[in-house]
Protein backbone atom coordinates (compact mmCIF):
# COMPACT_ATOMS: atom_id res chain seq x y z
CA MET A 1 114.16 93.87 111.39
CA ALA A 2 113.09 96.88 113.25
CA ARG A 3 110.60 96.57 115.94
CA TRP A 4 107.35 98.47 116.67
CA GLU A 5 106.04 100.01 119.57
CA LYS A 6 102.69 100.73 119.56
CA GLY A 7 100.49 97.31 118.40
CA GLU A 8 103.58 95.04 118.67
CA ARG A 9 101.61 92.92 121.79
CA THR A 10 98.25 92.95 119.79
CA VAL A 11 99.17 91.42 116.77
CA GLN A 12 101.67 88.80 118.38
CA TYR A 13 98.68 87.83 120.25
CA LEU A 14 96.74 87.45 117.41
CA ILE A 15 99.36 85.31 115.76
CA GLY A 16 100.05 83.38 118.59
CA ARG A 17 96.05 82.96 118.67
CA GLY A 18 96.22 81.91 114.52
CA ARG A 19 94.26 84.86 114.06
CA LEU A 20 96.94 86.35 111.76
CA ASP A 21 99.58 84.82 109.38
CA SER A 22 103.13 85.49 109.82
CA PHE A 23 106.07 84.90 107.51
CA PRO A 24 109.35 84.71 107.98
CA TYR A 25 111.25 88.07 106.81
CA PHE A 26 113.71 88.13 104.02
CA ASP A 27 115.74 91.15 102.58
CA PRO A 28 113.91 92.05 99.29
CA ALA A 29 117.62 93.59 97.89
CA ALA A 30 119.32 89.96 98.76
CA ALA A 31 116.61 88.37 95.68
CA PRO A 32 115.14 90.12 93.00
CA ILE A 33 110.95 90.46 93.28
CA THR A 34 109.32 88.64 91.01
CA GLU A 35 105.39 89.27 89.86
CA SER A 36 104.10 86.25 92.00
CA ASP A 37 105.77 87.86 94.93
CA ALA A 38 103.98 90.80 94.57
CA SER A 39 100.87 89.36 93.84
CA TRP A 40 101.31 86.97 96.65
CA ALA A 41 102.26 90.03 99.03
CA ILE A 42 98.94 91.87 97.73
CA GLU A 43 96.73 89.17 98.38
CA LYS A 44 98.48 88.61 101.82
CA ALA A 45 97.59 92.79 102.31
CA THR A 46 93.97 92.86 101.23
CA ALA A 47 93.10 89.73 103.78
CA ALA A 48 95.18 91.74 106.26
CA VAL A 49 92.77 94.85 105.59
CA SER A 50 89.87 92.82 105.60
CA GLY A 51 90.54 91.16 108.80
CA VAL A 52 91.28 94.30 110.55
CA LYS A 53 88.15 95.84 109.36
CA ALA A 54 86.19 92.43 110.86
CA LEU A 55 87.96 93.19 113.85
CA LEU A 56 87.08 97.13 114.31
CA ALA A 57 83.33 96.36 113.53
CA ALA A 58 83.38 93.90 116.15
CA THR A 59 84.97 95.67 118.22
CA PRO A 60 83.51 98.29 121.39
CA PRO A 61 84.88 101.67 120.84
CA GLY A 62 87.58 102.49 122.49
CA ARG A 63 88.89 99.06 123.20
CA PHE A 64 92.23 99.47 121.58
CA SER A 65 93.08 103.24 122.03
């Protein structure tokens, strides 16, 4: 799986403290994607966006620049 540079340290910090969920990587080409997979992904993405919004609202300006 590809790595990212910007934000990786922050994401790893939040995962390590239980503030973000992590899940194992899987290759979607290896198995068909079901409707429940899509629903789960949408649910997790929505929760992540809500969490980021809350984090940004509570963070002083310039903190993550």
